[in-house]
């Protein structure tokens, strides 16, 4: 064989090898695509099969419902307003999370926020925040809760054991809201001395209140300046040498003894029909 013929044969062999490598690479790529499609289909099938088995298995059902975060609202009330029952579908319950939370808040005025959580495999936890009770409204011998947001609850109680102040004559609205804001500004030591706060029906001052104190004294004040002036009560009390009477704090600071004619004439039955004339007697005198 001549040198030229050998070179030609070698070239043909190399070309054949390149063609074979290209064909092999193309087949390998095609096989990978088929394998990926098969794997994806199998994964989808297995997931669907697992979900099917899960939905018909006992593990897909709610087995327990817990309530946490309550202080005054009863757990049973929160549970019933959620309308979740053991045996309900866990997936459907979670899917309806927002509507369940809204239902709890709408059904319970004292609940400020509700959250549904899954704790464990089959346990639902209902976590709630509450509006605190800051006072009680006394009406016809019964007491109704007044919440920090100014709402008055419909439920009434014949007696209370809490230390919150008792309000009389208030309706839900701006006057009550202003009263609650002012009360929050009162010093803790003075709050402990306040027994009742009555809103008076007075044409001259629609925000006039009479405060009954635990030591037997009274104070007359206007809601907008209530906290500023009642905080001086401990010092004012020391100046009257143990006398019992009324401190008029509406326009200044005056003391009127209960046994005085002035108190009987001007303050004892104070209402819109009995506006008084301010006395010149300062409590320091």
Protein backbone atom coordinates (compact mmCIF):
# COMPACT_ATOMS: atom_id res chain seq x y z
CA UNK A 1 0.00 0.00 0.00
CA UNK A 2 1.33 3.40 -0.93
CA UNK A 3 1.79 6.18 1.53
CA UNK A 4 -1.04 8.16 -0.10
CA UNK A 5 -3.49 5.31 0.20
CA UNK A 6 -2.61 4.80 3.88
CA UNK A 7 -3.25 8.41 4.66
CA UNK A 8 -6.62 8.28 2.92
CA UNK A 9 -7.68 5.20 4.83
CA UNK A 10 -6.69 6.80 8.14
CA UNK A 11 -8.74 9.89 7.33
CA UNK A 12 -11.83 7.80 6.61
CA UNK A 13 -11.43 5.97 9.91
CA UNK A 14 -11.22 9.26 11.88
CA UNK A 15 -14.26 10.67 10.10
CA UNK A 16 -16.21 7.53 10.93
CA UNK A 17 -15.20 7.86 14.57
CA UNK A 18 -16.44 11.49 14.72
CA UNK A 19 -19.77 10.47 13.21
CA UNK A 20 -20.16 7.67 15.73
CA UNK A 21 -19.42 10.01 18.67
CA UNK A 22 -22.01 12.54 17.46
CA UNK A 23 -24.62 9.83 17.09
CA UNK A 24 -23.86 8.49 20.56
CA UNK A 25 -24.16 11.97 22.11
CA UNK A 26 -27.52 12.55 20.43
CA UNK A 27 -28.90 9.24 21.67
CA UNK A 28 -27.69 9.95 25.22
CA UNK A 29 -29.44 13.35 25.28
CA UNK A 30 -32.67 11.79 24.03
CA UNK A 31 -32.48 9.10 26.70
CA UNK A 32 -32.05 11.71 29.45
CA UNK A 33 -35.16 13.59 28.29
CA UNK A 34 -37.19 10.40 28.35
CA UNK A 35 -35.87 9.56 31.81
CA UNK A 36 -36.72 13.05 33.16
CA UNK A 37 -40.25 12.86 31.75
CA UNK A 38 -40.72 9.44 33.27
CA UNK A 39 -39.39 10.62 36.65
CA UNK A 40 -41.66 13.69 36.63
CA UNK A 41 -44.73 11.62 35.78
CA UNK A 42 -43.89 9.13 38.53
CA UNK A 43 -43.41 11.94 41.05
CA UNK A 44 -46.77 13.48 40.16
CA UNK A 45 -48.42 10.09 40.35
CA UNK A 46 -46.88 9.30 43.73
CA UNK A 47 -47.83 12.71 45.14
CA UNK A 48 -51.41 12.34 43.91
CA UNK A 49 -51.54 8.82 45.31
CA UNK A 50 -50.16 9.98 48.67
CA UNK A 51 -52.70 12.80 48.87
CA UNK A 52 -55.50 10.41 48.04
CA UNK A 53 -54.42 8.04 50.79
CA UNK A 54 -53.98 10.97 53.21
CA UNK A 55 -57.44 12.43 52.60
CA UNK A 56 -59.13 9.11 53.36
CA UNK A 57 -56.88 8.28 56.29
CA UNK A 58 -57.60 9.21 59.94
CA UNK A 59 -54.54 11.48 59.89
CA UNK A 60 -56.33 14.02 57.66
CA UNK A 61 -58.94 14.76 60.35
CA UNK A 62 -58.85 17.29 63.18
CA UNK A 63 -58.57 15.40 66.46
CA UNK A 64 -58.26 18.28 68.93
CA UNK A 65 -59.02 22.00 69.13
CA UNK A 66 -57.23 24.14 71.74
CA UNK A 67 -57.84 27.77 72.72
CA UNK A 68 -55.11 30.00 74.11
CA UNK A 69 -54.71 33.65 75.09
CA UNK A 70 -58.09 34.09 76.80
CA UNK A 71 -58.34 36.02 80.06
CA UNK A 72 -62.01 36.96 80.34
CA UNK A 73 -63.64 35.35 77.30
CA UNK A 74 -64.58 31.72 77.89
CA UNK A 75 -62.66 29.12 75.86
CA UNK A 76 -65.91 27.36 75.03
CA UNK A 77 -67.33 30.54 73.48
CA UNK A 78 -64.29 30.89 71.21
CA UNK A 79 -64.45 27.21 70.27
CA UNK A 80 -68.15 27.34 69.39
CA UNK A 81 -67.81 30.51 67.31
CA UNK A 82 -65.04 28.88 65.24
CA UNK A 83 -67.47 26.10 64.22
CA UNK A 84 -64.54 23.63 64.10
CA UNK A 85 -65.25 20.12 65.31
CA UNK A 86 -63.07 17.05 65.82
CA UNK A 87 -63.37 14.95 62.68
CA UNK A 88 -63.40 17.94 60.30
CA UNK A 89 -61.00 17.89 57.38
CA UNK A 90 -57.70 19.43 58.43
CA UNK A 91 -56.98 20.63 54.90
CA UNK A 92 -60.37 22.35 54.55
CA UNK A 93 -60.00 23.92 57.99
CA UNK A 94 -56.63 25.42 57.09
CA UNK A 95 -57.98 26.52 53.70
CA UNK A 96 -60.79 28.42 55.50
CA UNK A 97 -58.39 29.98 58.02
CA UNK A 98 -59.24 33.62 57.31
CA UNK A 99 -63.01 33.16 57.42
CA UNK A 100 -62.76 31.21 60.70
CA UNK A 101 -60.66 33.96 62.30
CA UNK A 102 -63.15 36.61 61.16
CA UNK A 103 -66.06 34.57 62.53
CA UNK A 104 -64.44 34.39 65.97
CA UNK A 105 -63.81 38.16 66.03
CA UNK A 106 -67.33 38.99 64.82
CA UNK A 107 -69.01 36.71 67.36
CA UNK A 108 -67.02 37.98 70.37
CA UNK A 109 -66.92 41.74 70.91
CA UNK A 110 -64.15 41.39 73.49
CA UNK A 111 -61.86 39.51 71.08
CA UNK A 112 -59.57 42.01 69.33
CA UNK A 113 -57.78 39.44 67.12
CA UNK A 114 -57.90 35.71 66.43
CA UNK A 115 -55.37 33.42 64.77
CA UNK A 116 -55.77 29.80 63.65
CA UNK A 117 -52.64 27.64 63.84
CA UNK A 118 -51.85 23.97 63.23
CA UNK A 119 -49.89 22.53 66.13
CA UNK A 120 -48.85 18.92 65.76
CA UNK A 121 -50.21 16.64 63.06
CA UNK A 122 -53.92 16.93 63.77
CA UNK A 123 -54.35 19.67 66.39
CA UNK A 124 -55.82 23.12 65.73
CA UNK A 125 -54.94 25.96 68.12
CA UNK A 126 -57.07 29.11 68.25
CA UNK A 127 -55.02 31.98 69.65
CA UNK A 128 -56.91 35.14 70.67
CA UNK A 129 -56.15 38.65 71.95
CA UNK A 130 -58.70 40.46 74.08
CA UNK A 131 -59.76 44.00 74.83
CA UNK A 132 -59.28 44.49 78.56
CA UNK A 133 -62.09 45.50 80.90
CA UNK A 134 -61.20 48.94 82.27
CA UNK A 135 -64.43 49.86 84.10
CA UNK A 136 -67.98 48.72 84.86
CA UNK A 137 -71.21 50.52 84.04
CA UNK A 138 -73.77 50.40 86.86
CA UNK A 139 -77.35 50.29 85.63
CA UNK A 140 -80.39 49.33 87.73
CA UNK A 141 -78.29 47.41 90.22
CA UNK A 142 -76.38 45.38 87.61
CA UNK A 143 -72.93 45.84 86.16
CA UNK A 144 -71.81 45.75 82.52
CA UNK A 145 -68.23 45.59 81.30
CA UNK A 146 -66.66 48.63 79.65
CA UNK A 147 -63.76 47.67 77.39
CA UNK A 148 -60.61 49.66 76.66
CA UNK A 149 -61.94 50.49 73.16
CA UNK A 150 -65.04 52.14 74.66
CA UNK A 151 -67.48 49.32 73.92
CA UNK A 152 -70.07 48.41 76.56
CA UNK A 153 -70.95 44.72 76.64
CA UNK A 154 -74.58 43.61 76.76
CA UNK A 155 -74.03 40.93 79.41
CA UNK A 156 -74.68 42.15 82.96
CA UNK A 157 -73.67 40.86 86.40
CA UNK A 158 -75.38 41.30 89.78
CA UNK A 159 -72.02 41.84 91.50
CA UNK A 160 -68.34 42.31 90.65
CA UNK A 161 -65.10 41.44 92.40
CA UNK A 162 -62.63 43.40 90.25
CA UNK A 163 -61.04 46.70 91.24
CA UNK A 164 -61.95 48.67 88.12
CA UNK A 165 -63.92 51.89 88.67
CA UNK A 166 -67.69 51.94 88.53
CA UNK A 167 -69.23 54.43 86.08
CA UNK A 168 -72.80 55.71 86.26
CA UNK A 169 -74.86 57.60 83.68
CA UNK A 170 -72.52 57.03 80.73
CA UNK A 171 -73.51 55.93 77.24
CA UNK A 172 -71.28 54.47 74.58
CA UNK A 173 -69.76 57.41 72.72
CA UNK A 174 -67.37 60.33 72.84
CA UNK A 175 -67.94 61.31 76.49
CA UNK A 176 -67.16 57.77 77.64
CA UNK A 177 -64.09 57.57 75.41
CA UNK A 178 -62.75 60.85 76.80
CA UNK A 179 -63.42 59.64 80.33
CA UNK A 180 -61.42 56.46 79.75
CA UNK A 181 -58.50 58.43 78.27
CA UNK A 182 -58.49 60.79 81.28
CA UNK A 183 -58.73 57.94 83.76
CA UNK A 184 -55.61 56.32 82.26
CA UNK A 185 -53.68 59.50 83.15
CA UNK A 186 -54.63 59.33 86.84
CA UNK A 187 -51.85 58.27 89.22
CA UNK A 188 -52.14 54.71 90.53
CA UNK A 189 -52.36 55.87 94.17
CA UNK A 190 -55.26 58.16 93.31
CA UNK A 191 -57.03 55.48 91.24
CA UNK A 192 -57.17 53.30 94.33
CA UNK A 193 -59.15 56.06 96.06
CA UNK A 194 -61.82 56.29 93.32
CA UNK A 195 -64.98 54.24 93.93
CA UNK A 196 -67.51 55.63 91.43
CA UNK A 197 -67.66 58.22 88.66
CA UNK A 198 -71.11 59.57 87.77
CA UNK A 199 -71.80 61.63 84.65
CA UNK A 200 -74.23 64.39 85.59
CA UNK A 201 -77.06 65.67 83.41
CA UNK A 202 -76.12 69.33 83.29
CA UNK A 203 -77.09 71.79 80.55
CA UNK A 204 -74.21 74.15 81.33
CA UNK A 205 -71.48 71.48 81.18
CA UNK A 206 -72.28 68.21 79.41
CA UNK A 207 -68.98 66.69 80.60
CA UNK A 208 -69.52 67.31 84.31
CA UNK A 209 -68.88 64.35 86.64
CA UNK A 210 -69.21 63.60 90.34
CA UNK A 211 -66.49 61.34 91.78
CA UNK A 212 -67.17 59.27 94.90
CA UNK A 213 -63.97 58.45 96.78
CA UNK A 214 -63.27 55.51 99.05
CA UNK A 215 -62.61 57.78 102.05
CA UNK A 216 -66.16 59.14 101.90
CA UNK A 217 -65.40 62.43 100.15
CA UNK A 218 -66.66 63.54 96.75
CA UNK A 219 -65.20 65.58 93.91
CA UNK A 220 -66.91 67.58 91.20
CA UNK A 221 -64.91 67.85 87.97
CA UNK A 222 -65.08 68.29 84.22
CA UNK A 223 -63.87 65.36 82.14
CA UNK A 224 -61.28 67.29 80.04
CA UNK A 225 -59.40 68.46 83.18
CA UNK A 226 -60.22 65.48 85.40
CA UNK A 227 -56.83 63.74 85.51
CA UNK A 228 -54.84 66.94 85.93
CA UNK A 229 -56.85 68.07 88.96
CA UNK A 230 -57.77 64.80 90.67
CA UNK A 231 -54.07 63.87 90.88
CA UNK A 232 -53.71 66.61 93.53
CA UNK A 233 -56.41 65.02 95.70
CA UNK A 234 -54.06 63.51 98.34
CA UNK A 235 -52.57 66.97 99.02
CA UNK A 236 -56.00 68.64 99.00
CA UNK A 237 -57.37 66.13 101.50
CA UNK A 238 -54.61 66.95 103.98
CA UNK A 239 -55.65 70.60 104.10
CA UNK A 240 -59.21 70.03 105.38
CA UNK A 241 -58.26 68.42 108.71
CA UNK A 242 -60.31 65.25 108.27
CA UNK A 243 -63.56 66.99 107.35
CA UNK A 244 -65.89 65.13 105.02
CA UNK A 245 -67.20 66.98 102.02
CA UNK A 246 -67.01 67.78 98.33
CA UNK A 247 -64.01 69.15 96.43
CA UNK A 248 -65.21 71.29 93.55
CA UNK A 249 -62.51 70.94 90.87
CA UNK A 250 -64.46 72.13 87.86
CA UNK A 251 -63.26 75.74 87.71
CA UNK A 252 -60.76 75.78 90.53
CA UNK A 253 -60.32 73.96 93.82
CA UNK A 254 -62.94 74.54 96.51
CA UNK A 255 -64.00 72.45 99.48
CA UNK A 256 -67.59 72.34 100.73
CA UNK A 257 -68.33 70.29 103.92
CA UNK A 258 -71.25 67.87 103.70
CA UNK A 259 -72.94 69.38 106.78
CA UNK A 260 -72.89 72.89 105.39
CA UNK A 261 -76.01 74.57 104.04
CA UNK A 262 -74.14 75.34 100.86
CA UNK A 263 -73.64 71.67 100.09
CA UNK A 264 -77.27 70.84 100.82
CA UNK A 265 -78.53 73.73 98.70
CA UNK A 266 -76.14 73.60 95.77
CA UNK A 267 -74.51 70.18 95.53
CA UNK A 268 -76.44 67.39 97.24
CA UNK A 269 -79.02 66.97 94.48
CA UNK A 270 -76.99 68.54 91.71
CA UNK A 271 -78.52 68.09 88.23
CA UNK A 272 -79.48 70.06 85.15
CA UNK A 273 -82.29 71.81 87.05
CA UNK A 274 -79.97 72.90 89.85
CA UNK A 275 -77.01 74.86 88.50
CA UNK A 276 -74.91 76.21 91.30
CA UNK A 277 -73.09 79.46 91.85
CA UNK A 278 -69.39 78.99 92.45
CA UNK A 279 -68.29 79.60 96.01
CA UNK A 280 -65.34 81.82 96.90
CA UNK A 281 -64.20 79.47 99.65
CA UNK A 282 -60.83 77.98 98.61
CA UNK A 283 -60.01 74.56 100.03
CA UNK A 284 -56.84 76.03 101.56
CA UNK A 285 -58.80 78.38 103.79
